[in-house]
Amino acid sequence: MRKLTYLVASTIDGYITGPDNGNPDFFLIEGDHAQPLRDEFPDMHPTHVRPLLGLDGVPNKHFDTVLQGRGSYEIGLRVGITNAYQHLRSIVFSTTMTQSPDPTVELVRTDPLAKVRELKQEDGMGIWLCGGGKLAAALRSEIDELVIKLNPVVAGDGIPLFNGAAFAPERYDLTDTKPYGSGVVVLTYRKRVV
């Protein structure tokens, strides 16, 4: 069975973007954490910047599918990028979009849980949930792994990791910690099986 990984940057106080759901330019993109993250997760870098990062032609390492909510997807769409992840199967979840602006982006307007359960049964590599907070809240019960790129930033307000999730504590086991001099700490958690 395929694994669903929520791999996302976060502030110390748990926000993945600002209140306006814009491109989170307060996260550190340079520093001693940048190259190790490129090496470990080449799949997470948008297709249009991969050549600039020396990732042109580098195969996916963990994922072959990316999931986004409408808010996350529209960050690229606002600057004319209709599919930021052409090297992955791109799926956008939205009940308000009527059609995909790009033939390589699959639009799902139905229950995200049902779709993810279906995806997990397919053959393939891992499934990457890249955002946003509302979709993460809707898919929380199906998330197998969290990879949090914790940045040394306090935002004070914004879109949380799980936006609108009901109070229902779930336990995760810390499986890896990678601290960097930049202040970024990459934390990997696996959902505890009861």
N, C-alpha and C. Protein backbone atom coordinates (compact mmCIF):
# COMPACT_ATOMS: atom_id res chain seq x y z
N MET A 1 0.84 -1.18 0.00
CA MET A 1 0.00 0.00 0.00
C MET A 1 0.89 1.25 0.00
N ARG A 2 0.50 2.22 -0.80
CA ARG A 2 1.25 3.47 -0.88
C ARG A 2 1.06 4.31 0.38
N LYS A 3 2.05 5.14 0.66
CA LYS A 3 2.05 5.96 1.86
C LYS A 3 1.73 7.42 1.49
N LEU A 4 0.93 8.07 2.32
CA LEU A 4 0.64 9.49 2.17
C LEU A 4 1.51 10.27 3.14
N THR A 5 2.35 11.15 2.59
CA THR A 5 3.27 11.96 3.38
C THR A 5 2.90 13.43 3.24
N TYR A 6 2.70 14.07 4.38
CA TYR A 6 2.49 15.52 4.40
C TYR A 6 3.86 16.15 4.63
N LEU A 7 4.46 16.61 3.56
CA LEU A 7 5.79 17.23 3.56
C LEU A 7 5.59 18.71 3.32
N VAL A 8 5.92 19.53 4.34
CA VAL A 8 5.58 20.94 4.27
C VAL A 8 6.52 21.76 5.16
N ALA A 9 6.73 23.01 4.79
CA ALA A 9 7.46 23.95 5.64
C ALA A 9 6.48 24.55 6.64
N SER A 10 6.99 24.80 7.84
CA SER A 10 6.16 25.37 8.89
C SER A 10 6.97 26.35 9.73
N THR A 11 6.27 27.31 10.29
CA THR A 11 6.90 28.19 11.27
C THR A 11 6.91 27.48 12.62
N ILE A 12 7.64 28.04 13.56
CA ILE A 12 7.68 27.47 14.91
C ILE A 12 6.28 27.41 15.51
N ASP A 13 5.45 28.42 15.19
CA ASP A 13 4.10 28.45 15.75
C ASP A 13 3.06 27.76 14.86
N GLY A 14 3.53 26.95 13.89
CA GLY A 14 2.64 26.03 13.19
C GLY A 14 1.91 26.56 11.97
N TYR A 15 2.43 27.60 11.32
CA TYR A 15 1.78 28.14 10.13
C TYR A 15 2.55 27.78 8.87
N ILE A 16 1.80 27.47 7.80
CA ILE A 16 2.42 27.07 6.54
C ILE A 16 2.42 28.19 5.51
N THR A 17 1.66 29.24 5.77
CA THR A 17 1.66 30.44 4.93
C THR A 17 0.99 31.55 5.72
N GLY A 18 0.99 32.74 5.15
CA GLY A 18 0.37 33.87 5.83
C GLY A 18 -1.14 33.85 5.73
N PRO A 19 -1.80 34.79 6.40
CA PRO A 19 -3.26 34.84 6.41
C PRO A 19 -3.87 35.03 5.02
N ASP A 20 -3.10 35.62 4.08
CA ASP A 20 -3.62 35.87 2.74
C ASP A 20 -3.45 34.66 1.81
N ASN A 21 -2.87 33.56 2.33
CA ASN A 21 -2.62 32.34 1.57
C ASN A 21 -1.74 32.61 0.34
N GLY A 22 -0.83 33.56 0.49
CA GLY A 22 0.09 33.88 -0.59
C GLY A 22 1.32 32.98 -0.53
N ASN A 23 2.25 33.23 -1.42
CA ASN A 23 3.50 32.47 -1.43
C ASN A 23 4.27 32.79 -0.16
N PRO A 24 4.56 31.79 0.67
CA PRO A 24 5.21 32.05 1.96
C PRO A 24 6.69 32.41 1.80
N ASP A 25 6.97 33.69 1.55
CA ASP A 25 8.34 34.11 1.30
C ASP A 25 9.16 34.32 2.58
N PHE A 26 8.59 33.98 3.73
CA PHE A 26 9.32 34.12 4.98
C PHE A 26 10.09 32.85 5.36
N PHE A 27 9.94 31.78 4.59
CA PHE A 27 10.71 30.56 4.85
C PHE A 27 12.11 30.69 4.26
N LEU A 28 13.08 30.07 4.92
CA LEU A 28 14.46 30.12 4.46
C LEU A 28 14.65 29.18 3.28
N ILE A 29 15.08 29.73 2.15
CA ILE A 29 15.35 28.88 0.99
C ILE A 29 16.84 28.68 0.79
N GLU A 30 17.65 29.51 1.42
CA GLU A 30 19.10 29.37 1.36
C GLU A 30 19.63 29.02 2.74
N GLY A 31 20.75 28.35 2.76
CA GLY A 31 21.37 27.95 4.01
C GLY A 31 21.87 26.53 3.89
N ASP A 32 22.47 26.04 4.96
CA ASP A 32 23.07 24.71 4.91
C ASP A 32 22.04 23.58 4.84
N HIS A 33 20.77 23.89 4.97
CA HIS A 33 19.71 22.89 4.84
C HIS A 33 19.28 22.69 3.38
N ALA A 34 19.54 23.67 2.52
CA ALA A 34 18.99 23.67 1.16
C ALA A 34 19.47 22.50 0.32
N GLN A 35 20.77 22.28 0.25
CA GLN A 35 21.29 21.18 -0.59
C GLN A 35 20.88 19.80 -0.07
N PRO A 36 20.97 19.55 1.25
CA PRO A 36 20.50 18.24 1.72
C PRO A 36 19.02 17.98 1.41
N LEU A 37 18.19 19.02 1.47
CA LEU A 37 16.78 18.84 1.13
C LEU A 37 16.61 18.58 -0.36
N ARG A 38 17.41 19.26 -1.20
CA ARG A 38 17.35 18.98 -2.65
C ARG A 38 17.77 17.55 -2.92
N ASP A 39 18.80 17.09 -2.22
CA ASP A 39 19.29 15.72 -2.42
C ASP A 39 18.27 14.68 -1.97
N GLU A 40 17.65 14.92 -0.82
CA GLU A 40 16.72 13.95 -0.26
C GLU A 40 15.34 14.00 -0.91
N PHE A 41 14.89 15.19 -1.28
CA PHE A 41 13.54 15.34 -1.84
C PHE A 41 13.57 16.11 -3.15
N PRO A 42 14.23 15.56 -4.19
CA PRO A 42 14.22 16.27 -5.47
C PRO A 42 12.81 16.40 -6.03
N ASP A 43 11.94 15.47 -5.65
CA ASP A 43 10.56 15.43 -6.14
C ASP A 43 9.75 16.67 -5.76
N MET A 44 10.10 17.32 -4.62
CA MET A 44 9.27 18.42 -4.11
C MET A 44 9.54 19.76 -4.78
N HIS A 45 10.53 19.82 -5.63
CA HIS A 45 10.87 21.08 -6.27
C HIS A 45 10.08 21.25 -7.57
N PRO A 46 9.48 22.43 -7.76
CA PRO A 46 8.69 22.65 -8.97
C PRO A 46 9.50 22.41 -10.25
N THR A 47 8.83 21.89 -11.23
CA THR A 47 9.47 21.51 -12.49
C THR A 47 10.23 22.67 -13.12
N HIS A 48 9.68 23.87 -13.08
CA HIS A 48 10.30 25.01 -13.75
C HIS A 48 11.59 25.49 -13.07
N VAL A 49 11.81 25.12 -11.80
CA VAL A 49 13.06 25.53 -11.13
C VAL A 49 14.07 24.39 -11.02
N ARG A 50 13.66 23.19 -11.36
CA ARG A 50 14.57 22.05 -11.24
C ARG A 50 15.88 22.24 -12.03
N PRO A 51 15.85 22.74 -13.27
CA PRO A 51 17.13 22.94 -13.98
C PRO A 51 18.04 23.94 -13.25
N LEU A 52 17.47 24.97 -12.65
CA LEU A 52 18.25 25.97 -11.92
C LEU A 52 18.91 25.40 -10.67
N LEU A 53 18.31 24.33 -10.13
CA LEU A 53 18.82 23.70 -8.92
C LEU A 53 19.70 22.49 -9.22
N GLY A 54 19.98 22.24 -10.50
CA GLY A 54 20.77 21.06 -10.86
C GLY A 54 19.99 19.77 -10.77
N LEU A 55 18.67 19.85 -10.86
CA LEU A 55 17.81 18.67 -10.71
C LEU A 55 17.18 18.23 -12.03
N ASP A 56 17.57 18.86 -13.13
CA ASP A 56 17.02 18.49 -14.43
C ASP A 56 17.40 17.04 -14.73
N GLY A 57 16.42 16.20 -14.95
CA GLY A 57 16.67 14.80 -15.25
C GLY A 57 16.86 13.91 -14.03
N VAL A 58 16.87 14.50 -12.83
CA VAL A 58 17.01 13.70 -11.61
C VAL A 58 15.69 12.98 -11.36
N PRO A 59 15.73 11.66 -11.18
CA PRO A 59 14.47 10.92 -10.98
C PRO A 59 13.84 11.23 -9.62
N ASN A 60 12.54 11.03 -9.56
CA ASN A 60 11.84 11.17 -8.29
C ASN A 60 12.36 10.12 -7.32
N LYS A 61 12.50 10.50 -6.07
CA LYS A 61 13.07 9.60 -5.07
C LYS A 61 12.01 8.97 -4.16
N HIS A 62 10.98 9.77 -3.82
CA HIS A 62 9.98 9.29 -2.86
C HIS A 62 8.56 9.23 -3.43
N PHE A 63 8.24 10.18 -4.33
CA PHE A 63 6.85 10.38 -4.72
C PHE A 63 6.67 10.32 -6.23
N ASP A 64 5.47 9.88 -6.64
CA ASP A 64 5.09 10.00 -8.04
C ASP A 64 3.76 10.74 -8.20
N THR A 65 3.18 11.16 -7.07
CA THR A 65 1.89 11.85 -7.07
C THR A 65 1.94 12.99 -6.07
N VAL A 66 1.38 14.14 -6.45
CA VAL A 66 1.29 15.29 -5.54
C VAL A 66 -0.17 15.70 -5.42
N LEU A 67 -0.57 16.02 -4.18
CA LEU A 67 -1.93 16.47 -3.89
C LEU A 67 -1.89 17.91 -3.40
N GLN A 68 -2.82 18.71 -3.92
CA GLN A 68 -2.93 20.10 -3.47
C GLN A 68 -4.39 20.48 -3.32
N GLY A 69 -4.64 21.35 -2.36
CA GLY A 69 -5.94 22.00 -2.27
C GLY A 69 -5.95 23.18 -3.22
N ARG A 70 -7.11 23.76 -3.39
CA ARG A 70 -7.23 24.87 -4.33
C ARG A 70 -6.33 26.04 -3.94
N GLY A 71 -6.29 26.37 -2.66
CA GLY A 71 -5.48 27.50 -2.21
C GLY A 71 -4.01 27.33 -2.55
N SER A 72 -3.46 26.16 -2.30
CA SER A 72 -2.05 25.89 -2.62
C SER A 72 -1.82 25.93 -4.12
N TYR A 73 -2.73 25.32 -4.86
CA TYR A 73 -2.61 25.28 -6.32
C TYR A 73 -2.63 26.69 -6.91
N GLU A 74 -3.48 27.54 -6.37
CA GLU A 74 -3.62 28.89 -6.93
C GLU A 74 -2.41 29.78 -6.70
N ILE A 75 -1.52 29.42 -5.77
CA ILE A 75 -0.29 30.21 -5.59
C ILE A 75 0.48 30.25 -6.90
N GLY A 76 0.63 29.09 -7.55
CA GLY A 76 1.30 29.04 -8.84
C GLY A 76 0.45 29.61 -9.95
N LEU A 77 -0.83 29.31 -9.90
CA LEU A 77 -1.76 29.75 -10.95
C LEU A 77 -1.77 31.28 -11.07
N ARG A 78 -1.65 31.97 -9.94
CA ARG A 78 -1.65 33.44 -9.95
C ARG A 78 -0.49 34.03 -10.74
N VAL A 79 0.61 33.26 -10.90
CA VAL A 79 1.76 33.75 -11.67
C VAL A 79 1.89 33.01 -12.99
N GLY A 80 0.81 32.34 -13.42
CA GLY A 80 0.78 31.72 -14.74
C GLY A 80 1.30 30.29 -14.80
N ILE A 81 1.54 29.67 -13.66
CA ILE A 81 2.02 28.28 -13.64
C ILE A 81 0.81 27.37 -13.42
N THR A 82 0.42 26.66 -14.47
CA THR A 82 -0.78 25.83 -14.38
C THR A 82 -0.49 24.43 -13.84
N ASN A 83 0.77 24.02 -13.87
CA ASN A 83 1.18 22.75 -13.26
C ASN A 83 2.63 22.88 -12.81
N ALA A 84 2.82 23.19 -11.54
CA ALA A 84 4.17 23.36 -11.00
C ALA A 84 4.92 22.04 -10.91
N TYR A 85 4.20 20.92 -10.92
CA TYR A 85 4.82 19.62 -10.70
C TYR A 85 4.55 18.68 -11.87
N GLN A 86 5.06 19.04 -13.03
CA GLN A 86 4.85 18.23 -14.22
C GLN A 86 5.57 16.90 -14.15
N HIS A 87 6.53 16.76 -13.27
CA HIS A 87 7.27 15.51 -13.09
C HIS A 87 6.53 14.54 -12.16
N LEU A 88 5.37 14.93 -11.69
CA LEU A 88 4.53 14.10 -10.82
C LEU A 88 3.11 14.06 -11.37
N ARG A 89 2.35 13.08 -10.97
CA ARG A 89 0.91 13.09 -11.25
C ARG A 89 0.31 14.14 -10.32
N SER A 90 -0.26 15.18 -10.88
CA SER A 90 -0.77 16.30 -10.10
C SER A 90 -2.27 16.21 -9.94
N ILE A 91 -2.71 16.26 -8.69
CA ILE A 91 -4.14 16.19 -8.38
C ILE A 91 -4.49 17.38 -7.50
N VAL A 92 -5.51 18.13 -7.91
CA VAL A 92 -5.99 19.27 -7.15
C VAL A 92 -7.40 18.97 -6.68
N PHE A 93 -7.65 19.22 -5.39
CA PHE A 93 -8.97 19.00 -4.80
C PHE A 93 -9.68 20.34 -4.64
N SER A 94 -10.85 20.45 -5.22
CA SER A 94 -11.64 21.67 -5.11
C SER A 94 -13.09 21.36 -5.43
N THR A 95 -13.99 21.91 -4.63
CA THR A 95 -15.41 21.78 -4.93
C THR A 95 -15.92 22.99 -5.69
N THR A 96 -15.08 24.04 -5.79
CA THR A 96 -15.53 25.27 -6.44
C THR A 96 -14.98 25.44 -7.86
N MET A 97 -13.88 24.79 -8.19
CA MET A 97 -13.37 24.84 -9.56
C MET A 97 -14.23 23.92 -10.42
N THR A 98 -14.56 24.36 -11.61
CA THR A 98 -15.40 23.53 -12.47
C THR A 98 -14.60 22.71 -13.47
N GLN A 99 -13.39 23.18 -13.79
CA GLN A 99 -12.52 22.41 -14.68
C GLN A 99 -11.07 22.77 -14.41
N SER A 100 -10.19 21.86 -14.74
CA SER A 100 -8.77 22.08 -14.55
C SER A 100 -8.25 23.03 -15.63
N PRO A 101 -7.42 24.01 -15.25
CA PRO A 101 -6.84 24.90 -16.24
C PRO A 101 -5.71 24.26 -17.04
N ASP A 102 -5.35 23.03 -16.71
CA ASP A 102 -4.24 22.35 -17.37
C ASP A 102 -4.62 20.89 -17.57
N PRO A 103 -4.46 20.35 -18.78
CA PRO A 103 -4.84 18.95 -19.02
C PRO A 103 -3.98 17.95 -18.23
N THR A 104 -2.84 18.38 -17.71
CA THR A 104 -1.98 17.47 -16.93
C THR A 104 -2.29 17.53 -15.43
N VAL A 105 -3.28 18.32 -15.05
CA VAL A 105 -3.69 18.42 -13.65
C VAL A 105 -5.08 17.82 -13.51
N GLU A 106 -5.19 16.80 -12.68
CA GLU A 106 -6.46 16.13 -12.44
C GLU A 106 -7.23 16.88 -11.36
N LEU A 107 -8.43 17.29 -11.66
CA LEU A 107 -9.28 17.98 -10.71
C LEU A 107 -10.23 16.97 -10.07
N VAL A 108 -10.24 16.95 -8.73
CA VAL A 108 -11.14 16.07 -7.98
C VAL A 108 -12.10 16.95 -7.20
N ARG A 109 -13.38 16.79 -7.48
CA ARG A 109 -14.40 17.60 -6.83
C ARG A 109 -15.19 16.81 -5.79
N THR A 110 -14.85 15.54 -5.64
CA THR A 110 -15.57 14.67 -4.70
C THR A 110 -14.77 14.53 -3.40
N ASP A 111 -15.18 13.60 -2.58
CA ASP A 111 -14.60 13.37 -1.26
C ASP A 111 -13.09 13.08 -1.34
N PRO A 112 -12.24 13.92 -0.74
CA PRO A 112 -10.80 13.69 -0.80
C PRO A 112 -10.37 12.40 -0.10
N LEU A 113 -11.04 12.03 0.98
CA LEU A 113 -10.68 10.79 1.68
C LEU A 113 -10.87 9.57 0.78
N ALA A 114 -11.99 9.52 0.10
CA ALA A 114 -12.25 8.38 -0.80
C ALA A 114 -11.20 8.32 -1.90
N LYS A 115 -10.84 9.47 -2.46
CA LYS A 115 -9.85 9.50 -3.53
C LYS A 115 -8.48 9.05 -3.03
N VAL A 116 -8.08 9.51 -1.85
CA VAL A 116 -6.77 9.11 -1.31
C VAL A 116 -6.76 7.62 -0.98
N ARG A 117 -7.83 7.10 -0.46
CA ARG A 117 -7.88 5.65 -0.19
C ARG A 117 -7.74 4.86 -1.49
N GLU A 118 -8.34 5.37 -2.54
CA GLU A 118 -8.22 4.74 -3.87
C GLU A 118 -6.76 4.83 -4.35
N LEU A 119 -6.15 6.00 -4.24
CA LEU A 119 -4.76 6.18 -4.66
C LEU A 119 -3.81 5.26 -3.91
N LYS A 120 -4.06 5.08 -2.63
CA LYS A 120 -3.18 4.23 -1.81
C LYS A 120 -3.19 2.78 -2.28
N GLN A 121 -4.27 2.36 -2.90
CA GLN A 121 -4.39 0.98 -3.37
C GLN A 121 -3.69 0.76 -4.71
N GLU A 122 -3.38 1.84 -5.41
CA GLU A 122 -2.71 1.73 -6.71
C GLU A 122 -1.24 1.41 -6.53
N ASP A 123 -0.64 0.85 -7.57
CA ASP A 123 0.80 0.64 -7.56
C ASP A 123 1.50 1.97 -7.77
N GLY A 124 2.68 2.08 -7.22
CA GLY A 124 3.45 3.29 -7.43
C GLY A 124 4.25 3.69 -6.22
N MET A 125 4.84 4.87 -6.34
CA MET A 125 5.64 5.43 -5.26
C MET A 125 4.71 6.13 -4.27
N GLY A 126 5.31 6.87 -3.34
CA GLY A 126 4.55 7.57 -2.33
C GLY A 126 3.71 8.70 -2.89
N ILE A 127 2.79 9.17 -2.06
CA ILE A 127 1.89 10.28 -2.39
C ILE A 127 2.28 11.45 -1.50
N TRP A 128 2.52 12.60 -2.12
CA TRP A 128 2.94 13.79 -1.39
C TRP A 128 1.78 14.77 -1.27
N LEU A 129 1.41 15.05 -0.05
CA LEU A 129 0.47 16.13 0.23
C LEU A 129 1.31 17.37 0.48
N CYS A 130 1.27 18.31 -0.46
CA CYS A 130 2.12 19.50 -0.31
C CYS A 130 1.35 20.68 0.28
N GLY A 131 0.06 20.59 0.39
CA GLY A 131 -0.74 21.65 0.98
C GLY A 131 -2.11 21.66 0.35
N GLY A 132 -2.94 22.39 0.93
CA GLY A 132 -2.79 23.26 2.07
C GLY A 132 -3.41 22.71 3.33
N GLY A 133 -3.56 23.63 4.27
CA GLY A 133 -4.02 23.28 5.59
C GLY A 133 -5.42 22.69 5.65
N LYS A 134 -6.33 23.18 4.81
CA LYS A 134 -7.70 22.63 4.79
C LYS A 134 -7.70 21.21 4.26
N LEU A 135 -6.94 20.97 3.19
CA LEU A 135 -6.87 19.61 2.64
C LEU A 135 -6.20 18.68 3.64
N ALA A 136 -5.16 19.15 4.31
CA ALA A 136 -4.49 18.32 5.33
C ALA A 136 -5.46 17.96 6.45
N ALA A 137 -6.30 18.91 6.85
CA ALA A 137 -7.29 18.62 7.89
C ALA A 137 -8.28 17.57 7.40
N ALA A 138 -8.71 17.67 6.14
CA ALA A 138 -9.66 16.71 5.59
C ALA A 138 -9.05 15.32 5.46
N LEU A 139 -7.74 15.25 5.20
CA LEU A 139 -7.06 13.97 4.97
C LEU A 139 -6.32 13.45 6.19
N ARG A 140 -6.47 14.11 7.31
CA ARG A 140 -5.67 13.78 8.50
C ARG A 140 -5.67 12.31 8.86
N SER A 141 -6.80 11.66 8.75
CA SER A 141 -6.88 10.24 9.13
C SER A 141 -6.09 9.34 8.20
N GLU A 142 -5.77 9.80 7.00
CA GLU A 142 -5.04 8.99 6.02
C GLU A 142 -3.55 9.35 5.92
N ILE A 143 -3.11 10.36 6.67
CA ILE A 143 -1.70 10.76 6.62
C ILE A 143 -0.88 9.75 7.41
N ASP A 144 0.09 9.14 6.73
CA ASP A 144 0.94 8.12 7.35
C ASP A 144 2.22 8.71 7.92
N GLU A 145 2.66 9.82 7.33
CA GLU A 145 3.96 10.38 7.71
C GLU A 145 3.90 11.90 7.60
N LEU A 146 4.54 12.56 8.55
CA LEU A 146 4.71 14.01 8.50
C LEU A 146 6.19 14.30 8.36
N VAL A 147 6.55 15.13 7.38
CA VAL A 147 7.91 15.65 7.28
C VAL A 147 7.77 17.16 7.35
N ILE A 148 8.16 17.71 8.49
CA ILE A 148 8.00 19.13 8.75
C ILE A 148 9.35 19.82 8.64
N LYS A 149 9.44 20.77 7.72
CA LYS A 149 10.64 21.60 7.60
C LYS A 149 10.40 22.81 8.50
N LEU A 150 10.76 22.64 9.77
CA LEU A 150 10.49 23.66 10.79
C LEU A 150 11.48 24.81 10.64
N ASN A 151 10.95 25.98 10.33
CA ASN A 151 11.77 27.16 10.09
C ASN A 151 11.84 28.03 11.34
N PRO A 152 12.96 28.71 11.57
CA PRO A 152 13.11 29.54 12.76
C PRO A 152 12.38 30.88 12.61
N VAL A 153 11.08 30.79 12.45
CA VAL A 153 10.22 31.95 12.21
C VAL A 153 8.97 31.80 13.07
N VAL A 154 8.54 32.89 13.69
CA VAL A 154 7.24 32.94 14.35
C VAL A 154 6.40 33.90 13.51
N ALA A 155 5.28 33.42 13.00
CA ALA A 155 4.44 34.23 12.12
C ALA A 155 3.36 34.99 12.88
N GLY A 156 2.84 34.40 13.95
CA GLY A 156 1.78 35.06 14.71
C GLY A 156 0.38 34.78 14.20
N ASP A 157 0.25 34.60 12.89
CA ASP A 157 -1.06 34.31 12.30
C ASP A 157 -0.81 33.73 10.90
N GLY A 158 -1.81 33.08 10.36
CA GLY A 158 -1.68 32.52 9.04
C GLY A 158 -2.53 31.27 8.89
N ILE A 159 -2.19 30.47 7.90
CA ILE A 159 -2.88 29.19 7.65
C ILE A 159 -2.12 28.11 8.43
N PRO A 160 -2.78 27.43 9.37
CA PRO A 160 -2.09 26.41 10.16
C PRO A 160 -1.88 25.11 9.38
N LEU A 161 -1.00 24.27 9.91
CA LEU A 161 -0.72 22.96 9.32
C LEU A 161 -2.00 22.19 9.03
N PHE A 162 -2.92 22.21 9.96
CA PHE A 162 -4.22 21.53 9.82
C PHE A 162 -5.31 22.56 10.07
N ASN A 163 -5.79 23.18 9.00
CA ASN A 163 -6.71 24.29 9.09
C ASN A 163 -8.15 23.80 9.22
N GLY A 164 -8.72 23.98 10.40
CA GLY A 164 -10.11 23.60 10.61
C GLY A 164 -10.29 22.16 11.08
N ALA A 165 -9.21 21.51 11.47
CA ALA A 165 -9.32 20.12 11.94
C ALA A 165 -10.04 20.07 13.29
N ALA A 166 -10.86 19.07 13.46
CA ALA A 166 -11.54 18.86 14.73
C ALA A 166 -10.54 18.38 15.78
N PHE A 167 -10.82 18.68 17.03
CA PHE A 167 -9.96 18.21 18.12
C PHE A 167 -10.06 16.69 18.21
N ALA A 168 -8.99 16.01 17.87
CA ALA A 168 -8.92 14.55 17.92
C ALA A 168 -7.44 14.16 17.93
N PRO A 169 -6.80 14.19 19.09
CA PRO A 169 -5.36 13.93 19.16
C PRO A 169 -4.98 12.57 18.57
N GLU A 170 -3.92 12.59 17.77
CA GLU A 170 -3.35 11.38 17.18
C GLU A 170 -1.87 11.37 17.53
N ARG A 171 -1.34 10.20 17.82
CA ARG A 171 0.08 10.08 18.19
C ARG A 171 0.93 9.74 16.98
N TYR A 172 2.10 10.35 16.94
CA TYR A 172 3.11 10.07 15.92
C TYR A 172 4.42 9.77 16.63
N ASP A 173 5.22 8.92 16.02
CA ASP A 173 6.56 8.63 16.53
C ASP A 173 7.58 9.41 15.73
N LEU A 174 8.49 10.07 16.42
CA LEU A 174 9.58 10.79 15.77
C LEU A 174 10.57 9.76 15.24
N THR A 175 10.79 9.75 13.93
CA THR A 175 11.68 8.75 13.32
C THR A 175 12.99 9.35 12.83
N ASP A 176 13.03 10.69 12.68
CA ASP A 176 14.27 11.30 12.22
C ASP A 176 14.25 12.80 12.55
N THR A 177 15.42 13.31 12.89
CA THR A 177 15.59 14.73 13.17
C THR A 177 16.88 15.18 12.51
N LYS A 178 16.78 16.25 11.73
CA LYS A 178 17.97 16.80 11.08
C LYS A 178 18.02 18.30 11.34
N PRO A 179 18.82 18.73 12.33
CA PRO A 179 18.96 20.17 12.58
C PRO A 179 20.09 20.75 11.72
N TYR A 180 19.91 21.99 11.30
CA TYR A 180 20.91 22.67 10.47
C TYR A 180 21.31 23.99 11.12
N GLY A 181 22.50 24.44 10.79
CA GLY A 181 23.00 25.71 11.30
C GLY A 181 22.12 26.88 10.93
N SER A 182 21.38 26.77 9.84
CA SER A 182 20.46 27.83 9.41
C SER A 182 19.31 28.04 10.39
N GLY A 183 19.12 27.07 11.28
CA GLY A 183 17.99 27.11 12.21
C GLY A 183 16.84 26.24 11.76
N VAL A 184 16.88 25.76 10.52
CA VAL A 184 15.85 24.85 10.03
C VAL A 184 16.09 23.47 10.64
N VAL A 185 15.02 22.84 11.08
CA VAL A 185 15.07 21.47 11.59
C VAL A 185 14.06 20.66 10.79
N VAL A 186 14.51 19.57 10.19
CA VAL A 186 13.61 18.69 9.45
C VAL A 186 13.22 17.55 10.38
N LEU A 187 11.94 17.48 10.68
CA LEU A 187 11.40 16.49 11.62
C LEU A 187 10.54 15.49 10.84
N THR A 188 10.81 14.22 11.03
CA THR A 188 10.02 13.19 10.36
C THR A 188 9.29 12.38 11.42
N TYR A 189 7.99 12.26 11.25
CA TYR A 189 7.13 11.53 12.17
C TYR A 189 6.35 10.47 11.40
N ARG A 190 6.17 9.32 12.02
CA ARG A 190 5.33 8.26 11.45
C ARG A 190 4.15 8.06 12.38
N LYS A 191 2.94 7.96 11.78
CA LYS A 191 1.74 7.76 12.60
C LYS A 191 1.89 6.48 13.40
N ARG A 192 1.60 6.59 14.67
CA ARG A 192 1.66 5.43 15.56
C ARG A 192 0.49 4.51 15.28
N VAL A 193 0.79 3.25 15.03
CA VAL A 193 -0.25 2.25 14.81
C VAL A 193 -0.65 1.70 16.17
N VAL A 194 -1.93 1.81 16.46
CA VAL A 194 -2.41 1.37 17.77
C VAL A 194 -2.75 -0.08 17.77
